[in-house]
Amino acid sequence: MSNLLAWARQLQAISENGITYAVNDYDLERYRHLQKIAAEMMAAGDGNISPLDVAEFFNREKGHATPKVDVRAAVFRDDRILLVREISDGGWTLPGGWCDVGDSPSIAAVREVKEESGFDVRATKLVAVHDRDKHGHPAIPYHAYKMFFLCELIGGEAKTSNETDGVEFFAEDKLPRLSLTRTVPEQIAMVFRHYREPGLGTEWD
Protein backbone atom coordinates (compact mmCIF):
# COMPACT_ATOMS: atom_id res chain seq x y z
CA MET A 1 0.00 0.00 0.00
CA SER A 2 1.35 3.44 -0.95
CA ASN A 3 2.13 6.09 1.65
CA LEU A 4 -0.42 8.36 -0.01
CA LEU A 5 -3.23 5.85 0.47
CA ALA A 6 -2.15 5.13 4.05
CA TRP A 7 -2.12 8.85 4.87
CA ALA A 8 -5.50 9.35 3.20
CA ARG A 9 -7.05 6.55 5.24
CA GLN A 10 -5.65 8.04 8.45
CA LEU A 11 -7.08 11.45 7.55
CA GLN A 12 -10.42 9.83 6.75
CA ALA A 13 -10.49 8.12 10.16
CA ILE A 14 -9.63 11.41 11.92
CA SER A 15 -12.32 13.26 9.98
CA GLU A 16 -14.95 10.57 10.60
CA ASN A 17 -14.24 10.58 14.33
CA GLY A 18 -14.28 14.39 14.31
CA ILE A 19 -17.67 14.48 12.60
CA THR A 20 -18.99 11.97 15.14
CA TYR A 21 -17.83 13.83 18.22
CA ALA A 22 -17.82 17.49 17.10
CA VAL A 23 -19.80 19.82 19.36
CA ASN A 24 -20.24 22.84 17.08
CA ASP A 25 -20.82 23.68 13.42
CA TYR A 26 -17.37 25.20 13.02
CA ASP A 27 -15.67 21.92 13.94
CA LEU A 28 -18.07 19.96 11.74
CA GLU A 29 -17.18 22.14 8.77
CA ARG A 30 -13.44 21.64 9.36
CA TYR A 31 -13.76 17.86 9.64
CA ARG A 32 -15.92 17.66 6.50
CA HIS A 33 -13.28 19.68 4.67
CA LEU A 34 -10.61 17.27 5.94
CA GLN A 35 -12.73 14.36 4.70
CA LYS A 36 -12.89 15.97 1.24
CA ILE A 37 -9.09 16.30 1.19
CA ALA A 38 -8.75 12.63 2.19
CA ALA A 39 -11.06 11.61 -0.69
CA GLU A 40 -9.01 13.63 -3.17
CA MET A 41 -5.77 12.10 -1.89
CA MET A 42 -7.17 8.59 -2.12
CA ALA A 43 -8.44 9.14 -5.66
CA ALA A 44 -5.05 10.58 -6.68
CA GLY A 45 -3.27 7.56 -5.20
CA ASP A 46 -5.52 5.03 -6.91
CA GLY A 47 -5.90 6.65 -10.32
CA ASN A 48 -8.97 4.56 -11.23
CA ILE A 49 -11.59 6.16 -9.01
CA SER A 50 -12.93 9.70 -8.80
CA PRO A 51 -12.92 11.85 -5.65
CA LEU A 52 -16.74 11.85 -5.78
CA ASP A 53 -16.81 8.03 -5.71
CA VAL A 54 -14.41 7.96 -2.78
CA ALA A 55 -16.45 10.61 -0.97
CA GLU A 56 -19.53 8.43 -1.46
CA PHE A 57 -17.68 5.53 0.20
CA PHE A 58 -16.81 7.80 3.11
CA ASN A 59 -20.34 9.15 3.48
CA ARG A 60 -21.66 5.63 4.11
CA GLU A 61 -19.46 5.34 7.19
CA LYS A 62 -20.94 6.77 10.37
CA GLY A 63 -19.72 6.81 13.95
CA HIS A 64 -16.25 6.11 15.31
CA ALA A 65 -13.91 4.92 12.55
CA THR A 66 -13.00 1.23 12.93
CA PRO A 67 -11.73 -1.49 10.54
CA LYS A 68 -14.29 -3.37 8.50
CA VAL A 69 -14.54 -7.16 8.92
CA ASP A 70 -14.35 -9.58 5.99
CA VAL A 71 -15.01 -13.31 6.50
CA ARG A 72 -13.80 -16.16 4.29
CA ALA A 73 -14.79 -19.83 4.44
CA ALA A 74 -12.55 -22.79 3.57
CA VAL A 75 -14.71 -25.75 2.54
CA PHE A 76 -13.15 -29.06 1.43
CA ARG A 77 -14.41 -32.10 -0.45
CA ASP A 78 -12.13 -34.99 -1.44
CA ASP A 79 -9.05 -32.90 -0.55
CA ARG A 80 -10.17 -30.12 -2.89
CA ILE A 81 -11.11 -26.61 -1.85
CA LEU A 82 -14.31 -24.77 -2.76
CA LEU A 83 -13.80 -21.55 -4.72
CA VAL A 84 -16.28 -19.23 -6.39
CA ARG A 85 -15.65 -17.01 -9.42
CA GLU A 86 -16.40 -13.33 -8.96
CA ILE A 87 -18.35 -11.69 -11.77
CA SER A 88 -16.70 -8.34 -10.99
CA ASP A 89 -13.15 -9.38 -11.95
CA GLY A 90 -13.35 -12.98 -13.21
CA GLY A 91 -11.05 -14.21 -10.43
CA TRP A 92 -11.70 -17.08 -8.03
CA THR A 93 -11.90 -16.72 -4.27
CA LEU A 94 -12.86 -18.38 -1.03
CA PRO A 95 -16.57 -17.68 -0.49
CA GLY A 96 -17.08 -14.72 1.80
CA GLY A 97 -17.66 -11.00 2.15
CA TRP A 98 -18.29 -8.19 4.61
CA CYS A 99 -19.95 -9.05 7.92
CA ASP A 100 -23.43 -7.61 8.41
CA VAL A 101 -24.41 -5.81 11.59
CA GLY A 102 -26.02 -8.32 13.95
CA ASP A 103 -24.16 -11.34 12.55
CA SER A 104 -21.46 -13.21 14.41
CA PRO A 105 -18.44 -13.81 12.13
CA SER A 106 -19.00 -17.57 11.88
CA ILE A 107 -22.67 -17.12 10.98
CA ALA A 108 -21.68 -14.57 8.34
CA ALA A 109 -19.19 -17.03 6.83
CA VAL A 110 -21.82 -19.80 6.70
CA ARG A 111 -24.33 -17.43 5.09
CA GLU A 112 -21.84 -16.24 2.47
CA VAL A 113 -21.05 -19.81 1.44
CA LYS A 114 -24.76 -20.52 0.93
CA GLU A 115 -25.39 -17.29 -0.98
CA GLU A 116 -22.34 -17.50 -3.23
CA SER A 117 -22.02 -21.26 -3.84
CA GLY A 118 -25.29 -22.96 -2.92
CA PHE A 119 -23.66 -25.25 -0.36
CA ASP A 120 -24.67 -25.67 3.29
CA VAL A 121 -21.78 -25.70 5.76
CA ARG A 122 -20.99 -25.57 9.46
CA ALA A 123 -18.10 -23.50 10.79
CA THR A 124 -15.70 -25.70 12.80
CA LYS A 125 -12.56 -23.63 13.40
CA LEU A 126 -11.26 -20.07 13.29
CA VAL A 127 -8.07 -20.43 11.23
CA ALA A 128 -6.80 -16.86 11.20
CA VAL A 129 -7.47 -13.17 11.73
CA HIS A 130 -5.45 -11.10 9.26
CA ASP A 131 -4.81 -7.40 8.92
CA ARG A 132 -5.61 -7.13 5.21
CA ASP A 133 -2.86 -4.58 4.61
CA LYS A 134 -0.15 -7.08 5.64
CA HIS A 135 -0.93 -9.87 3.19
CA GLY A 136 -0.37 -8.59 -0.33
CA HIS A 137 -3.91 -7.63 -1.33
CA PRO A 138 -4.44 -4.68 -3.69
CA ALA A 139 -5.26 -1.50 -1.74
CA ILE A 140 -8.87 -0.52 -1.02
CA PRO A 141 -10.31 2.61 0.66
CA TYR A 142 -10.98 0.75 3.92
CA HIS A 143 -8.77 -0.73 6.60
CA ALA A 144 -10.08 -4.26 7.06
CA TYR A 145 -9.56 -7.39 9.12
CA LYS A 146 -10.07 -10.77 7.44
CA MET A 147 -11.30 -13.82 9.39
CA PHE A 148 -10.84 -17.31 7.92
CA PHE A 149 -12.97 -20.27 9.02
CA LEU A 150 -12.70 -23.96 8.28
CA CYS A 151 -16.19 -25.17 7.44
CA GLU A 152 -17.64 -28.66 7.17
CA LEU A 153 -19.74 -29.40 4.08
CA ILE A 154 -23.15 -30.71 5.19
CA GLY A 155 -25.42 -30.31 2.14
CA GLY A 156 -26.65 -28.25 -0.77
CA GLU A 157 -25.49 -28.20 -4.37
CA ALA A 158 -23.45 -25.89 -6.59
CA LYS A 159 -25.37 -22.74 -7.49
CA THR A 160 -24.15 -19.34 -8.69
CA SER A 161 -25.42 -15.98 -7.45
CA ASN A 162 -25.73 -12.36 -8.51
CA GLU A 163 -22.04 -11.95 -7.53
CA THR A 164 -20.60 -15.28 -8.71
CA ASP A 165 -20.70 -17.15 -12.03
CA GLY A 166 -18.65 -20.22 -11.15
CA VAL A 167 -18.56 -22.76 -8.30
CA GLU A 168 -15.93 -25.51 -8.25
CA PHE A 169 -13.61 -27.55 -6.02
CA PHE A 170 -9.89 -27.34 -6.85
CA ALA A 171 -6.79 -29.33 -5.93
CA GLU A 172 -4.06 -27.24 -4.26
CA ASP A 173 -1.71 -27.71 -7.22
CA LYS A 174 -4.36 -26.77 -9.80
CA LEU A 175 -5.71 -23.46 -8.55
CA PRO A 176 -7.27 -21.01 -11.02
CA ARG A 177 -6.44 -17.30 -11.25
CA LEU A 178 -7.42 -15.77 -7.92
CA SER A 179 -9.33 -12.57 -7.16
CA LEU A 180 -6.45 -11.02 -5.22
CA THR A 181 -8.65 -8.31 -3.74
CA ARG A 182 -10.37 -11.09 -1.81
CA THR A 183 -7.97 -14.05 -1.51
CA VAL A 184 -4.22 -14.40 -2.08
CA PRO A 185 -2.24 -17.65 -2.64
CA GLU A 186 -0.66 -17.65 0.84
CA GLN A 187 -4.16 -17.76 2.35
CA ILE A 188 -5.13 -20.77 0.25
CA ALA A 189 -1.93 -22.50 1.39
CA MET A 190 -2.73 -21.56 4.99
CA VAL A 191 -6.22 -23.10 5.00
CA PHE A 192 -4.89 -26.26 3.34
CA ARG A 193 -2.35 -26.56 6.20
CA HIS A 194 -5.09 -26.24 8.80
CA TYR A 195 -7.29 -28.72 6.95
CA ARG A 196 -4.48 -31.29 6.95
CA GLU A 197 -3.29 -30.49 10.48
CA PRO A 198 -6.41 -29.80 12.61
CA GLY A 199 -4.33 -29.22 15.74
CA LEU A 200 -2.67 -26.04 14.42
CA GLY A 201 -3.49 -22.94 16.43
CA THR A 202 -5.25 -19.84 15.16
CA GLU A 203 -2.99 -17.41 13.28
CA TRP A 204 -3.25 -13.62 13.52
CA ASP A 205 -1.96 -10.34 12.07
C-alpha atoms as a PDB file:
ATOM      1  CA  MET A   1       0.000   0.000   0.000  1.00  0.00           C
ATOM      2  CA  SER A   2       1.348   3.439  -0.947  1.00  0.00           C
ATOM      3  CA  ASN A   3       2.131   6.090   1.651  1.00  0.00           C
ATOM      4  CA  LEU A   4      -0.423   8.360  -0.011  1.00  0.00           C
ATOM      5  CA  LEU A   5      -3.228   5.853   0.470  1.00  0.00           C
ATOM      6  CA  ALA A   6      -2.153   5.130   4.050  1.00  0.00           C
ATOM      7  CA  TRP A   7      -2.119   8.852   4.870  1.00  0.00           C
ATOM      8  CA  ALA A   8      -5.503   9.354   3.198  1.00  0.00           C
ATOM      9  CA  ARG A   9      -7.055   6.551   5.244  1.00  0.00           C
ATOM     10  CA  GLN A  10      -5.648   8.040   8.450  1.00  0.00           C
ATOM     11  CA  LEU A  11      -7.081  11.450   7.547  1.00  0.00           C
ATOM     12  CA  GLN A  12     -10.417   9.826   6.749  1.00  0.00           C
ATOM     13  CA  ALA A  13     -10.488   8.124  10.160  1.00  0.00           C
ATOM     14  CA  ILE A  14      -9.627  11.407  11.916  1.00  0.00           C
ATOM     15  CA  SER A  15     -12.318  13.261   9.981  1.00  0.00           C
ATOM     16  CA  GLU A  16     -14.955  10.567  10.600  1.00  0.00           C
ATOM     17  CA  ASN A  17     -14.241  10.582  14.325  1.00  0.00           C
ATOM     18  CA  GLY A  18     -14.284  14.385  14.315  1.00  0.00           C
ATOM     19  CA  ILE A  19     -17.671  14.477  12.595  1.00  0.00           C
ATOM     20  CA  THR A  20     -18.985  11.967  15.136  1.00  0.00           C
ATOM     21  CA  TYR A  21     -17.835  13.833  18.222  1.00  0.00           C
ATOM     22  CA  ALA A  22     -17.815  17.495  17.101  1.00  0.00           C
ATOM     23  CA  VAL A  23     -19.798  19.817  19.361  1.00  0.00           C
ATOM     24  CA  ASN A  24     -20.236  22.838  17.080  1.00  0.00           C
ATOM     25  CA  ASP A  25     -20.819  23.677  13.421  1.00  0.00           C
ATOM     26  CA  TYR A  26     -17.367  25.202  13.016  1.00  0.00           C
ATOM     27  CA  ASP A  27     -15.671  21.924  13.942  1.00  0.00           C
ATOM     28  CA  LEU A  28     -18.073  19.956  11.744  1.00  0.00           C
ATOM     29  CA  GLU A  29     -17.175  22.135   8.769  1.00  0.00           C
ATOM     30  CA  ARG A  30     -13.436  21.635   9.364  1.00  0.00           C
ATOM     31  CA  TYR A  31     -13.760  17.857   9.636  1.00  0.00           C
ATOM     32  CA  ARG A  32     -15.919  17.659   6.503  1.00  0.00           C
ATOM     33  CA  HIS A  33     -13.278  19.675   4.669  1.00  0.00           C
ATOM     34  CA  LEU A  34     -10.614  17.269   5.942  1.00  0.00           C
ATOM     35  CA  GLN A  35     -12.734  14.360   4.701  1.00  0.00           C
ATOM     36  CA  LYS A  36     -12.891  15.970   1.240  1.00  0.00           C
ATOM     37  CA  ILE A  37      -9.089  16.297   1.187  1.00  0.00           C
ATOM     38  CA  ALA A  38      -8.748  12.628   2.186  1.00  0.00           C
ATOM     39  CA  ALA A  39     -11.057  11.614  -0.685  1.00  0.00           C
ATOM     40  CA  GLU A  40      -9.014  13.628  -3.171  1.00  0.00           C
ATOM     41  CA  MET A  41      -5.767  12.100  -1.888  1.00  0.00           C
ATOM     42  CA  MET A  42      -7.173   8.588  -2.122  1.00  0.00           C
ATOM     43  CA  ALA A  43      -8.443   9.143  -5.658  1.00  0.00           C
ATOM     44  CA  ALA A  44      -5.052  10.577  -6.681  1.00  0.00           C
ATOM     45  CA  GLY A  45      -3.272   7.559  -5.201  1.00  0.00           C
ATOM     46  CA  ASP A  46      -5.525   5.029  -6.914  1.00  0.00           C
ATOM     47  CA  GLY A  47      -5.905   6.654 -10.319  1.00  0.00           C
ATOM     48  CA  ASN A  48      -8.966   4.558 -11.230  1.00  0.00           C
ATOM     49  CA  ILE A  49     -11.591   6.160  -9.014  1.00  0.00           C
ATOM     50  CA  SER A  50     -12.930   9.695  -8.801  1.00  0.00           C
ATOM     51  CA  PRO A  51     -12.919  11.852  -5.652  1.00  0.00           C
ATOM     52  CA  LEU A  52     -16.738  11.847  -5.781  1.00  0.00           C
ATOM     53  CA  ASP A  53     -16.815   8.034  -5.709  1.00  0.00           C
ATOM     54  CA  VAL A  54     -14.414   7.958  -2.780  1.00  0.00           C
ATOM     55  CA  ALA A  55     -16.454  10.606  -0.972  1.00  0.00           C
ATOM     56  CA  GLU A  56     -19.531   8.431  -1.455  1.00  0.00           C
ATOM     57  CA  PHE A  57     -17.683   5.526   0.198  1.00  0.00           C
ATOM     58  CA  PHE A  58     -16.812   7.798   3.108  1.00  0.00           C
ATOM     59  CA  ASN A  59     -20.341   9.151   3.481  1.00  0.00           C
ATOM     60  CA  ARG A  60     -21.657   5.631   4.114  1.00  0.00           C
ATOM     61  CA  GLU A  61     -19.462   5.336   7.191  1.00  0.00           C
ATOM     62  CA  LYS A  62     -20.938   6.765  10.374  1.00  0.00           C
ATOM     63  CA  GLY A  63     -19.718   6.805  13.949  1.00  0.00           C
ATOM     64  CA  HIS A  64     -16.250   6.110  15.313  1.00  0.00           C
ATOM     65  CA  ALA A  65     -13.909   4.918  12.547  1.00  0.00           C
ATOM     66  CA  THR A  66     -13.000   1.233  12.927  1.00  0.00           C
ATOM     67  CA  PRO A  67     -11.725  -1.488  10.540  1.00  0.00           C
ATOM     68  CA  LYS A  68     -14.294  -3.369   8.496  1.00  0.00           C
ATOM     69  CA  VAL A  69     -14.537  -7.161   8.924  1.00  0.00           C
ATOM     70  CA  ASP A  70     -14.347  -9.580   5.988  1.00  0.00           C
ATOM     71  CA  VAL A  71     -15.009 -13.305   6.496  1.00  0.00           C
ATOM     72  CA  ARG A  72     -13.803 -16.156   4.287  1.00  0.00           C
ATOM     73  CA  ALA A  73     -14.790 -19.834   4.436  1.00  0.00           C
ATOM     74  CA  ALA A  74     -12.554 -22.789   3.566  1.00  0.00           C
ATOM     75  CA  VAL A  75     -14.706 -25.754   2.543  1.00  0.00           C
ATOM     76  CA  PHE A  76     -13.145 -29.057   1.426  1.00  0.00           C
ATOM     77  CA  ARG A  77     -14.413 -32.100  -0.447  1.00  0.00           C
ATOM     78  CA  ASP A  78     -12.126 -34.988  -1.435  1.00  0.00           C
ATOM     79  CA  ASP A  79      -9.054 -32.900  -0.550  1.00  0.00           C
ATOM     80  CA  ARG A  80     -10.165 -30.124  -2.886  1.00  0.00           C
ATOM     81  CA  ILE A  81     -11.111 -26.610  -1.851  1.00  0.00           C
ATOM     82  CA  LEU A  82     -14.309 -24.774  -2.758  1.00  0.00           C
ATOM     83  CA  LEU A  83     -13.803 -21.550  -4.724  1.00  0.00           C
ATOM     84  CA  VAL A  84     -16.283 -19.231  -6.393  1.00  0.00           C
ATOM     85  CA  ARG A  85     -15.652 -17.011  -9.416  1.00  0.00           C
ATOM     86  CA  GLU A  86     -16.401 -13.325  -8.963  1.00  0.00           C
ATOM     87  CA  ILE A  87     -18.346 -11.689 -11.771  1.00  0.00           C
ATOM     88  CA  SER A  88     -16.702  -8.343 -10.992  1.00  0.00           C
ATOM     89  CA  ASP A  89     -13.152  -9.383 -11.948  1.00  0.00           C
ATOM     90  CA  GLY A  90     -13.346 -12.980 -13.213  1.00  0.00           C
ATOM     91  CA  GLY A  91     -11.047 -14.205 -10.434  1.00  0.00           C
ATOM     92  CA  TRP A  92     -11.699 -17.080  -8.030  1.00  0.00           C
ATOM     93  CA  THR A  93     -11.902 -16.719  -4.269  1.00  0.00           C
ATOM     94  CA  LEU A  94     -12.855 -18.384  -1.027  1.00  0.00           C
ATOM     95  CA  PRO A  95     -16.569 -17.679  -0.490  1.00  0.00           C
ATOM     96  CA  GLY A  96     -17.082 -14.718   1.797  1.00  0.00           C
ATOM     97  CA  GLY A  97     -17.656 -10.998   2.155  1.00  0.00           C
ATOM     98  CA  TRP A  98     -18.292  -8.186   4.608  1.00  0.00           C
ATOM     99  CA  CYS A  99     -19.955  -9.051   7.921  1.00  0.00           C
ATOM    100  CA  ASP A 100     -23.427  -7.609   8.410  1.00  0.00           C
ATOM    101  CA  VAL A 101     -24.413  -5.806  11.587  1.00  0.00           C
ATOM    102  CA  GLY A 102     -26.024  -8.317  13.949  1.00  0.00           C
ATOM    103  CA  ASP A 103     -24.159 -11.341  12.554  1.00  0.00           C
ATOM    104  CA  SER A 104     -21.461 -13.207  14.405  1.00  0.00           C
ATOM    105  CA  PRO A 105     -18.436 -13.815  12.130  1.00  0.00           C
ATOM    106  CA  SER A 106     -19.003 -17.574  11.882  1.00  0.00           C
ATOM    107  CA  ILE A 107     -22.674 -17.116  10.978  1.00  0.00           C
ATOM    108  CA  ALA A 108     -21.676 -14.569   8.341  1.00  0.00           C
ATOM    109  CA  ALA A 109     -19.191 -17.034   6.833  1.00  0.00           C
ATOM    110  CA  VAL A 110     -21.820 -19.799   6.697  1.00  0.00           C
ATOM    111  CA  ARG A 111     -24.329 -17.427   5.085  1.00  0.00           C
ATOM    112  CA  GLU A 112     -21.839 -16.242   2.468  1.00  0.00           C
ATOM    113  CA  VAL A 113     -21.053 -19.814   1.439  1.00  0.00           C
ATOM    114  CA  LYS A 114     -24.755 -20.516   0.927  1.00  0.00           C
ATOM    115  CA  GLU A 115     -25.387 -17.292  -0.977  1.00  0.00           C
ATOM    116  CA  GLU A 116     -22.338 -17.505  -3.232  1.00  0.00           C
ATOM    117  CA  SER A 117     -22.019 -21.258  -3.838  1.00  0.00           C
ATOM    118  CA  GLY A 118     -25.291 -22.961  -2.916  1.00  0.00           C
ATOM    119  CA  PHE A 119     -23.659 -25.250  -0.356  1.00  0.00           C
ATOM    120  CA  ASP A 120     -24.668 -25.668   3.292  1.00  0.00           C
ATOM    121  CA  VAL A 121     -21.780 -25.704   5.757  1.00  0.00           C
ATOM    122  CA  ARG A 122     -20.987 -25.575   9.455  1.00  0.00           C
ATOM    123  CA  ALA A 123     -18.099 -23.502  10.790  1.00  0.00           C
ATOM    124  CA  THR A 124     -15.697 -25.703  12.799  1.00  0.00           C
ATOM    125  CA  LYS A 125     -12.558 -23.629  13.401  1.00  0.00           C
ATOM    126  CA  LEU A 126     -11.258 -20.067  13.287  1.00  0.00           C
ATOM    127  CA  VAL A 127      -8.072 -20.434  11.234  1.00  0.00           C
ATOM    128  CA  ALA A 128      -6.799 -16.864  11.203  1.00  0.00           C
ATOM    129  CA  VAL A 129      -7.473 -13.167  11.725  1.00  0.00           C
ATOM    130  CA  HIS A 130      -5.449 -11.101   9.258  1.00  0.00           C
ATOM    131  CA  ASP A 131      -4.814  -7.397   8.918  1.00  0.00           C
ATOM    132  CA  ARG A 132      -5.613  -7.131   5.206  1.00  0.00           C
ATOM    133  CA  ASP A 133      -2.863  -4.580   4.612  1.00  0.00           C
ATOM    134  CA  LYS A 134      -0.153  -7.078   5.643  1.00  0.00           C
ATOM    135  CA  HIS A 135      -0.931  -9.865   3.186  1.00  0.00           C
ATOM    136  CA  GLY A 136      -0.372  -8.593  -0.335  1.00  0.00           C
ATOM    137  CA  HIS A 137      -3.906  -7.629  -1.326  1.00  0.00           C
ATOM    138  CA  PRO A 138      -4.439  -4.677  -3.689  1.00  0.00           C
ATOM    139  CA  ALA A 139      -5.259  -1.503  -1.741  1.00  0.00           C
ATOM    140  CA  ILE A 140      -8.869  -0.524  -1.017  1.00  0.00           C
ATOM    141  CA  PRO A 141     -10.306   2.606   0.662  1.00  0.00           C
ATOM    142  CA  TYR A 142     -10.977   0.749   3.917  1.00  0.00           C
ATOM    143  CA  HIS A 143      -8.769  -0.727   6.600  1.00  0.00           C
ATOM    144  CA  ALA A 144     -10.077  -4.263   7.056  1.00  0.00           C
ATOM    145  CA  TYR A 145      -9.558  -7.391   9.117  1.00  0.00           C
ATOM    146  CA  LYS A 146     -10.068 -10.773   7.440  1.00  0.00           C
ATOM    147  CA  MET A 147     -11.295 -13.819   9.388  1.00  0.00           C
ATOM    148  CA  PHE A 148     -10.841 -17.306   7.924  1.00  0.00           C
ATOM    149  CA  PHE A 149     -12.968 -20.266   9.024  1.00  0.00           C
ATOM    150  CA  LEU A 150     -12.697 -23.963   8.281  1.00  0.00           C
ATOM    151  CA  CYS A 151     -16.190 -25.168   7.442  1.00  0.00           C
ATOM    152  CA  GLU A 152     -17.638 -28.661   7.170  1.00  0.00           C
ATOM    153  CA  LEU A 153     -19.739 -29.398   4.083  1.00  0.00           C
ATOM    154  CA  ILE A 154     -23.153 -30.711   5.190  1.00  0.00           C
ATOM    155  CA  GLY A 155     -25.423 -30.310   2.138  1.00  0.00           C
ATOM    156  CA  GLY A 156     -26.655 -28.250  -0.766  1.00  0.00           C
ATOM    157  CA  GLU A 157     -25.492 -28.204  -4.369  1.00  0.00           C
ATOM    158  CA  ALA A 158     -23.452 -25.889  -6.586  1.00  0.00           C
ATOM    159  CA  LYS A 159     -25.369 -22.743  -7.492  1.00  0.00           C
ATOM    160  CA  THR A 160     -24.153 -19.344  -8.685  1.00  0.00           C
ATOM    161  CA  SER A 161     -25.423 -15.982  -7.447  1.00  0.00           C
ATOM    162  CA  ASN A 162     -25.730 -12.364  -8.514  1.00  0.00           C
ATOM    163  CA  GLU A 163     -22.043 -11.950  -7.529  1.00  0.00           C
ATOM    164  CA  THR A 164     -20.605 -15.278  -8.711  1.00  0.00           C
ATOM    165  CA  ASP A 165     -20.704 -17.147 -12.035  1.00  0.00           C
ATOM    166  CA  GLY A 166     -18.649 -20.216 -11.151  1.00  0.00           C
ATOM    167  CA  VAL A 167     -18.562 -22.764  -8.298  1.00  0.00           C
ATOM    168  CA  GLU A 168     -15.928 -25.509  -8.252  1.00  0.00           C
ATOM    169  CA  PHE A 169     -13.614 -27.551  -6.024  1.00  0.00           C
ATOM    170  CA  PHE A 170      -9.894 -27.339  -6.848  1.00  0.00           C
ATOM    171  CA  ALA A 171      -6.788 -29.326  -5.926  1.00  0.00           C
ATOM    172  CA  GLU A 172      -4.064 -27.244  -4.264  1.00  0.00           C
ATOM    173  CA  ASP A 173      -1.712 -27.706  -7.220  1.00  0.00           C
ATOM    174  CA  LYS A 174      -4.365 -26.770  -9.797  1.00  0.00           C
ATOM    175  CA  LEU A 175      -5.709 -23.456  -8.550  1.00  0.00           C
ATOM    176  CA  PRO A 176      -7.271 -21.012 -11.019  1.00  0.00           C
ATOM    177  CA  ARG A 177      -6.443 -17.300 -11.248  1.00  0.00           C
ATOM    178  CA  LEU A 178      -7.420 -15.771  -7.919  1.00  0.00           C
ATOM    179  CA  SER A 179      -9.330 -12.574  -7.160  1.00  0.00           C
ATOM    180  CA  LEU A 180      -6.455 -11.024  -5.220  1.00  0.00           C
ATOM    181  CA  THR A 181      -8.654  -8.307  -3.743  1.00  0.00           C
ATOM    182  CA  ARG A 182     -10.374 -11.095  -1.807  1.00  0.00           C
ATOM    183  CA  THR A 183      -7.975 -14.051  -1.511  1.00  0.00           C
ATOM    184  CA  VAL A 184      -4.221 -14.402  -2.078  1.00  0.00           C
ATOM    185  CA  PRO A 185      -2.240 -17.646  -2.645  1.00  0.00           C
ATOM    186  CA  GLU A 186      -0.664 -17.653   0.841  1.00  0.00           C
ATOM    187  CA  GLN A 187      -4.165 -17.762   2.351  1.00  0.00           C
ATOM    188  CA  ILE A 188      -5.131 -20.771   0.246  1.00  0.00           C
ATOM    189  CA  ALA A 189      -1.929 -22.500   1.391  1.00  0.00           C
ATOM    190  CA  MET A 190      -2.733 -21.561   4.988  1.00  0.00           C
ATOM    191  CA  VAL A 191      -6.217 -23.096   5.003  1.00  0.00           C
ATOM    192  CA  PHE A 192      -4.891 -26.260   3.344  1.00  0.00           C
ATOM    193  CA  ARG A 193      -2.352 -26.562   6.198  1.00  0.00           C
ATOM    194  CA  HIS A 194      -5.086 -26.239   8.803  1.00  0.00           C
ATOM    195  CA  TYR A 195      -7.288 -28.721   6.947  1.00  0.00           C
ATOM    196  CA  ARG A 196      -4.477 -31.288   6.953  1.00  0.00           C
ATOM    197  CA  GLU A 197      -3.291 -30.493  10.485  1.00  0.00           C
ATOM    198  CA  PRO A 198      -6.409 -29.801  12.606  1.00  0.00           C
ATOM    199  CA  GLY A 199      -4.329 -29.220  15.740  1.00  0.00           C
ATOM    200  CA  LEU A 200      -2.674 -26.043  14.421  1.00  0.00           C
ATOM    201  CA  GLY A 201      -3.489 -22.936  16.431  1.00  0.00           C
ATOM    202  CA  THR A 202      -5.251 -19.842  15.158  1.00  0.00           C
ATOM    203  CA  GLU A 203      -2.992 -17.405  13.284  1.00  0.00           C
ATOM    204  CA  TRP A 204      -3.249 -13.621  13.520  1.00  0.00           C
ATOM    205  CA  ASP A 205      -1.957 -10.336  12.068  1.00  0.00           C
END
